[in-house]
Amino acid sequence: MVLKSNDSANPAPRRPKVVHAGDGMRLNVQGIVFSYKAVGEDTEGRYALTEGIVPPHHGAPEHIHHREDEAFYILEGEFEIECGGEIFRASPGTFALLPKGLPHRFQNLVSSTELGLLFQ
């Protein structure tokens, strides 16, 4: 008799993942270049981590996430973040948590391409 292992009962051990600067799956969405450092498959669906390169005076139009919160950590420049009718200015070191279900948007306020991290 051969016993088969149940994959859901004994999942494969998780391994560390290192994504170096400039690496990661890239996706251009309305002029913003997102570099995915971790996706749901890496985190058992708990979150995704994305680096966003935002052109001058550009950003994402108002939209809503229905399944997940979204968080921003600003690395460079200055951004305007609007969520649920409140407007915030965000400079390097600023963290912003935007709850799911609330309309939100962001915009790079400076004249150079800037960088931020997004968690979903």
N, C-alpha and C. Protein backbone atom coordinates (compact mmCIF):
# COMPACT_ATOMS: atom_id res chain seq x y z
N MET A 1 0.85 -1.16 0.00
CA MET A 1 0.00 0.00 0.00
C MET A 1 0.90 1.24 0.00
N VAL A 2 0.56 2.18 -0.87
CA VAL A 2 1.30 3.44 -0.96
C VAL A 2 0.47 4.54 -0.34
N LEU A 3 1.06 5.26 0.61
CA LEU A 3 0.37 6.38 1.24
C LEU A 3 0.78 7.66 0.54
N LYS A 4 -0.19 8.46 0.18
CA LYS A 4 0.08 9.74 -0.45
C LYS A 4 0.01 10.83 0.60
N SER A 5 0.93 11.76 0.52
CA SER A 5 0.87 12.86 1.48
C SER A 5 -0.21 13.85 1.07
N ASN A 6 -0.82 14.45 2.03
CA ASN A 6 -1.83 15.47 1.80
C ASN A 6 -1.13 16.82 1.79
N ASP A 7 -1.04 17.45 0.63
CA ASP A 7 -0.30 18.71 0.50
C ASP A 7 -0.82 19.79 1.42
N SER A 8 -2.13 19.85 1.65
CA SER A 8 -2.67 20.89 2.51
C SER A 8 -2.33 20.62 3.98
N ALA A 9 -2.15 19.37 4.36
CA ALA A 9 -1.80 19.05 5.74
C ALA A 9 -0.31 19.23 5.99
N ASN A 10 0.50 19.01 4.97
CA ASN A 10 1.96 19.13 5.09
C ASN A 10 2.51 20.01 3.98
N PRO A 11 2.25 21.31 4.07
CA PRO A 11 2.73 22.18 2.98
C PRO A 11 4.25 22.21 2.95
N ALA A 12 4.77 22.49 1.77
CA ALA A 12 6.22 22.61 1.63
C ALA A 12 6.71 23.76 2.49
N PRO A 13 7.87 23.59 3.10
CA PRO A 13 8.38 24.70 3.94
C PRO A 13 8.62 25.94 3.09
N ARG A 14 8.31 27.08 3.68
CA ARG A 14 8.53 28.34 2.98
C ARG A 14 10.00 28.67 3.00
N ARG A 15 10.44 29.37 1.97
CA ARG A 15 11.84 29.73 1.81
C ARG A 15 11.98 31.24 1.81
N PRO A 16 13.11 31.74 2.23
CA PRO A 16 13.34 33.19 2.13
C PRO A 16 13.32 33.63 0.67
N LYS A 17 12.94 34.86 0.46
CA LYS A 17 12.95 35.44 -0.89
C LYS A 17 13.67 36.78 -0.80
N VAL A 18 14.65 36.98 -1.65
CA VAL A 18 15.39 38.23 -1.70
C VAL A 18 15.22 38.81 -3.10
N VAL A 19 14.78 40.04 -3.17
CA VAL A 19 14.61 40.73 -4.45
C VAL A 19 15.48 41.98 -4.41
N HIS A 20 16.49 42.01 -5.25
CA HIS A 20 17.45 43.11 -5.25
C HIS A 20 16.91 44.35 -5.96
N ALA A 21 17.55 45.47 -5.71
CA ALA A 21 17.19 46.72 -6.38
C ALA A 21 17.13 46.50 -7.89
N GLY A 22 16.07 46.99 -8.49
CA GLY A 22 15.90 46.85 -9.94
C GLY A 22 15.28 45.54 -10.36
N ASP A 23 15.11 44.60 -9.43
CA ASP A 23 14.53 43.29 -9.76
C ASP A 23 13.06 43.25 -9.35
N GLY A 24 12.38 42.24 -9.80
CA GLY A 24 10.96 42.05 -9.52
C GLY A 24 10.15 42.22 -10.79
N MET A 25 8.99 41.58 -10.82
CA MET A 25 8.10 41.71 -11.98
C MET A 25 7.68 43.17 -12.12
N ARG A 26 7.82 43.71 -13.31
CA ARG A 26 7.48 45.12 -13.55
C ARG A 26 6.19 45.22 -14.35
N LEU A 27 5.40 46.24 -13.96
CA LEU A 27 4.14 46.48 -14.63
C LEU A 27 3.93 47.99 -14.70
N ASN A 28 3.66 48.50 -15.90
CA ASN A 28 3.41 49.93 -16.10
C ASN A 28 1.90 50.13 -16.10
N VAL A 29 1.42 50.89 -15.10
CA VAL A 29 -0.01 51.17 -14.99
C VAL A 29 -0.19 52.68 -15.07
N GLN A 30 -0.72 53.15 -16.17
CA GLN A 30 -0.99 54.58 -16.38
C GLN A 30 0.25 55.43 -16.13
N GLY A 31 1.41 54.94 -16.57
CA GLY A 31 2.65 55.70 -16.46
C GLY A 31 3.42 55.48 -15.18
N ILE A 32 2.84 54.80 -14.20
CA ILE A 32 3.54 54.48 -12.96
C ILE A 32 4.13 53.08 -13.13
N VAL A 33 5.44 52.95 -12.87
CA VAL A 33 6.10 51.65 -13.00
C VAL A 33 6.12 50.98 -11.63
N PHE A 34 5.39 49.88 -11.54
CA PHE A 34 5.35 49.10 -10.30
C PHE A 34 6.29 47.91 -10.44
N SER A 35 7.11 47.71 -9.43
CA SER A 35 8.01 46.56 -9.37
C SER A 35 7.57 45.71 -8.18
N TYR A 36 7.07 44.52 -8.47
CA TYR A 36 6.52 43.65 -7.43
C TYR A 36 7.65 42.91 -6.73
N LYS A 37 7.82 43.16 -5.45
CA LYS A 37 8.86 42.53 -4.65
C LYS A 37 8.34 41.26 -3.99
N ALA A 38 7.08 41.26 -3.56
CA ALA A 38 6.42 40.07 -3.01
C ALA A 38 4.97 40.11 -3.45
N VAL A 39 4.46 38.96 -3.84
CA VAL A 39 3.06 38.84 -4.27
C VAL A 39 2.35 37.84 -3.37
N GLY A 40 1.06 37.70 -3.55
CA GLY A 40 0.27 36.81 -2.71
C GLY A 40 0.83 35.40 -2.63
N GLU A 41 1.38 34.89 -3.72
CA GLU A 41 1.95 33.53 -3.72
C GLU A 41 3.13 33.44 -2.75
N ASP A 42 3.85 34.54 -2.57
CA ASP A 42 5.01 34.55 -1.66
C ASP A 42 4.61 34.66 -0.20
N THR A 43 3.44 35.24 0.06
CA THR A 43 3.03 35.58 1.43
C THR A 43 1.79 34.83 1.90
N GLU A 44 1.46 33.75 1.20
CA GLU A 44 0.25 32.98 1.48
C GLU A 44 -1.00 33.85 1.45
N GLY A 45 -0.99 34.82 0.53
CA GLY A 45 -2.15 35.68 0.31
C GLY A 45 -2.34 36.79 1.33
N ARG A 46 -1.38 36.98 2.22
CA ARG A 46 -1.55 37.98 3.27
C ARG A 46 -1.31 39.40 2.78
N TYR A 47 -0.39 39.61 1.86
CA TYR A 47 -0.12 40.94 1.34
C TYR A 47 0.74 40.85 0.09
N ALA A 48 0.87 41.98 -0.59
CA ALA A 48 1.83 42.14 -1.68
C ALA A 48 2.63 43.40 -1.36
N LEU A 49 3.89 43.42 -1.76
CA LEU A 49 4.75 44.59 -1.57
C LEU A 49 5.23 45.04 -2.94
N THR A 50 4.98 46.30 -3.24
CA THR A 50 5.28 46.85 -4.55
C THR A 50 6.05 48.15 -4.41
N GLU A 51 7.06 48.32 -5.23
CA GLU A 51 7.76 49.59 -5.32
C GLU A 51 7.15 50.35 -6.49
N GLY A 52 6.78 51.60 -6.26
CA GLY A 52 6.17 52.40 -7.31
C GLY A 52 7.05 53.57 -7.69
N ILE A 53 7.37 53.70 -8.97
CA ILE A 53 8.13 54.83 -9.49
C ILE A 53 7.13 55.74 -10.19
N VAL A 54 6.93 56.92 -9.59
CA VAL A 54 5.85 57.81 -10.02
C VAL A 54 6.44 59.03 -10.72
N PRO A 55 6.07 59.27 -11.99
CA PRO A 55 6.58 60.43 -12.72
C PRO A 55 6.15 61.75 -12.07
N PRO A 56 6.82 62.86 -12.43
CA PRO A 56 6.48 64.18 -11.87
C PRO A 56 5.01 64.53 -12.08
N HIS A 57 4.39 65.04 -11.03
CA HIS A 57 3.00 65.53 -11.06
C HIS A 57 2.02 64.48 -11.59
N HIS A 58 2.32 63.23 -11.33
CA HIS A 58 1.50 62.12 -11.81
C HIS A 58 1.05 61.29 -10.60
N GLY A 59 0.08 60.44 -10.80
CA GLY A 59 -0.38 59.57 -9.73
C GLY A 59 -1.50 58.67 -10.20
N ALA A 60 -2.16 58.07 -9.24
CA ALA A 60 -3.27 57.17 -9.55
C ALA A 60 -4.58 57.92 -9.33
N PRO A 61 -5.51 57.80 -10.28
CA PRO A 61 -6.82 58.45 -10.09
C PRO A 61 -7.59 57.77 -8.96
N GLU A 62 -8.65 58.40 -8.53
CA GLU A 62 -9.45 57.84 -7.44
C GLU A 62 -9.94 56.44 -7.81
N HIS A 63 -9.78 55.52 -6.87
CA HIS A 63 -10.23 54.14 -7.05
C HIS A 63 -10.52 53.54 -5.68
N ILE A 64 -11.09 52.34 -5.66
CA ILE A 64 -11.46 51.65 -4.42
C ILE A 64 -10.95 50.22 -4.47
N HIS A 65 -10.37 49.77 -3.35
CA HIS A 65 -10.03 48.35 -3.17
C HIS A 65 -11.11 47.74 -2.28
N HIS A 66 -11.74 46.68 -2.76
CA HIS A 66 -12.83 46.06 -2.01
C HIS A 66 -12.37 44.90 -1.15
N ARG A 67 -11.18 44.32 -1.45
CA ARG A 67 -10.74 43.13 -0.72
C ARG A 67 -9.61 43.40 0.27
N GLU A 68 -8.83 44.45 0.06
CA GLU A 68 -7.65 44.65 0.89
C GLU A 68 -7.42 46.11 1.22
N ASP A 69 -6.80 46.35 2.37
CA ASP A 69 -6.30 47.68 2.70
C ASP A 69 -5.10 47.95 1.81
N GLU A 70 -4.73 49.22 1.70
CA GLU A 70 -3.53 49.59 0.96
C GLU A 70 -2.73 50.52 1.85
N ALA A 71 -1.43 50.33 1.86
CA ALA A 71 -0.56 51.18 2.67
C ALA A 71 0.56 51.72 1.81
N PHE A 72 0.99 52.93 2.13
CA PHE A 72 2.08 53.59 1.42
C PHE A 72 3.19 53.93 2.40
N TYR A 73 4.42 53.76 1.97
CA TYR A 73 5.58 54.25 2.72
C TYR A 73 6.40 55.06 1.72
N ILE A 74 6.52 56.34 1.97
CA ILE A 74 7.16 57.25 1.02
C ILE A 74 8.67 57.20 1.21
N LEU A 75 9.39 56.93 0.12
CA LEU A 75 10.86 56.86 0.15
C LEU A 75 11.51 58.15 -0.33
N GLU A 76 10.89 58.80 -1.31
CA GLU A 76 11.46 60.02 -1.91
C GLU A 76 10.34 60.99 -2.24
N GLY A 77 10.70 62.28 -2.29
CA GLY A 77 9.79 63.30 -2.80
C GLY A 77 8.66 63.65 -1.86
N GLU A 78 7.59 64.17 -2.45
CA GLU A 78 6.41 64.55 -1.67
C GLU A 78 5.17 64.16 -2.46
N PHE A 79 4.24 63.54 -1.75
CA PHE A 79 3.02 63.06 -2.37
C PHE A 79 1.81 63.67 -1.67
N GLU A 80 0.72 63.74 -2.43
CA GLU A 80 -0.57 64.05 -1.85
C GLU A 80 -1.38 62.76 -1.91
N ILE A 81 -1.93 62.38 -0.77
CA ILE A 81 -2.76 61.18 -0.69
C ILE A 81 -4.13 61.60 -0.20
N GLU A 82 -5.16 61.21 -0.93
CA GLU A 82 -6.53 61.49 -0.50
C GLU A 82 -7.23 60.17 -0.25
N CYS A 83 -7.91 60.08 0.90
CA CYS A 83 -8.63 58.86 1.24
C CYS A 83 -9.87 59.22 2.04
N GLY A 84 -11.02 58.77 1.57
CA GLY A 84 -12.26 59.00 2.28
C GLY A 84 -12.55 60.48 2.49
N GLY A 85 -12.13 61.33 1.55
CA GLY A 85 -12.38 62.76 1.64
C GLY A 85 -11.33 63.55 2.42
N GLU A 86 -10.37 62.86 3.05
CA GLU A 86 -9.29 63.55 3.76
C GLU A 86 -8.05 63.60 2.88
N ILE A 87 -7.34 64.73 2.90
CA ILE A 87 -6.14 64.91 2.09
C ILE A 87 -4.94 65.04 3.01
N PHE A 88 -3.88 64.27 2.69
CA PHE A 88 -2.65 64.25 3.48
C PHE A 88 -1.47 64.56 2.58
N ARG A 89 -0.49 65.26 3.10
CA ARG A 89 0.80 65.42 2.41
C ARG A 89 1.75 64.41 3.02
N ALA A 90 2.53 63.77 2.18
CA ALA A 90 3.41 62.71 2.65
C ALA A 90 4.81 62.90 2.07
N SER A 91 5.79 63.02 2.94
CA SER A 91 7.20 63.17 2.55
C SER A 91 7.96 61.91 2.99
N PRO A 92 9.25 61.80 2.68
CA PRO A 92 10.00 60.59 3.03
C PRO A 92 9.85 60.22 4.50
N GLY A 93 9.59 58.93 4.72
CA GLY A 93 9.40 58.41 6.06
C GLY A 93 7.94 58.37 6.49
N THR A 94 7.04 58.94 5.68
CA THR A 94 5.61 58.93 6.02
C THR A 94 5.00 57.58 5.66
N PHE A 95 4.19 57.08 6.58
CA PHE A 95 3.42 55.85 6.37
C PHE A 95 1.95 56.22 6.37
N ALA A 96 1.18 55.71 5.42
CA ALA A 96 -0.26 55.97 5.35
C ALA A 96 -0.98 54.64 5.12
N LEU A 97 -1.97 54.35 5.97
CA LEU A 97 -2.79 53.14 5.83
C LEU A 97 -4.17 53.56 5.35
N LEU A 98 -4.58 53.03 4.21
CA LEU A 98 -5.86 53.37 3.60
C LEU A 98 -6.78 52.15 3.69
N PRO A 99 -7.85 52.24 4.49
CA PRO A 99 -8.75 51.08 4.67
C PRO A 99 -9.47 50.71 3.38
N LYS A 100 -9.69 49.42 3.22
CA LYS A 100 -10.46 48.95 2.05
C LYS A 100 -11.84 49.58 2.08
N GLY A 101 -12.41 49.73 0.89
CA GLY A 101 -13.76 50.26 0.77
C GLY A 101 -13.85 51.77 0.68
N LEU A 102 -12.75 52.48 0.95
CA LEU A 102 -12.77 53.94 0.86
C LEU A 102 -12.13 54.40 -0.45
N PRO A 103 -12.76 55.34 -1.16
CA PRO A 103 -12.13 55.86 -2.37
C PRO A 103 -10.84 56.59 -1.99
N HIS A 104 -9.81 56.38 -2.82
CA HIS A 104 -8.53 57.03 -2.56
C HIS A 104 -7.76 57.26 -3.85
N ARG A 105 -6.78 58.15 -3.75
CA ARG A 105 -5.91 58.48 -4.89
C ARG A 105 -4.59 58.98 -4.32
N PHE A 106 -3.56 59.07 -5.18
CA PHE A 106 -2.31 59.70 -4.78
C PHE A 106 -1.69 60.41 -5.97
N GLN A 107 -0.83 61.40 -5.66
CA GLN A 107 -0.16 62.16 -6.70
C GLN A 107 1.22 62.61 -6.22
N ASN A 108 2.21 62.49 -7.11
CA ASN A 108 3.55 63.01 -6.88
C ASN A 108 3.47 64.53 -7.06
N LEU A 109 3.87 65.29 -6.04
CA LEU A 109 3.75 66.75 -6.10
C LEU A 109 4.99 67.46 -6.63
N VAL A 110 6.08 66.75 -6.84
CA VAL A 110 7.34 67.40 -7.22
C VAL A 110 7.66 67.20 -8.70
N SER A 111 8.68 67.91 -9.14
CA SER A 111 9.05 67.93 -10.57
C SER A 111 10.06 66.86 -10.96
N SER A 112 10.20 65.82 -10.13
CA SER A 112 11.09 64.71 -10.47
C SER A 112 10.37 63.39 -10.21
N THR A 113 10.89 62.34 -10.82
CA THR A 113 10.32 61.01 -10.63
C THR A 113 10.66 60.57 -9.21
N GLU A 114 9.68 60.06 -8.48
CA GLU A 114 9.87 59.72 -7.08
C GLU A 114 9.43 58.28 -6.80
N LEU A 115 9.81 57.81 -5.63
CA LEU A 115 9.69 56.41 -5.29
C LEU A 115 8.92 56.21 -4.00
N GLY A 116 8.05 55.22 -3.99
CA GLY A 116 7.32 54.85 -2.78
C GLY A 116 7.09 53.35 -2.76
N LEU A 117 6.79 52.82 -1.57
CA LEU A 117 6.43 51.41 -1.41
C LEU A 117 4.94 51.31 -1.17
N LEU A 118 4.31 50.31 -1.75
CA LEU A 118 2.88 50.07 -1.54
C LEU A 118 2.70 48.66 -1.00
N PHE A 119 1.91 48.54 0.04
CA PHE A 119 1.56 47.25 0.61
C PHE A 119 0.08 47.03 0.37
N GLN A 120 -0.27 45.84 -0.12
CA GLN A 120 -1.68 45.51 -0.32
C GLN A 120 -1.94 44.14 0.24
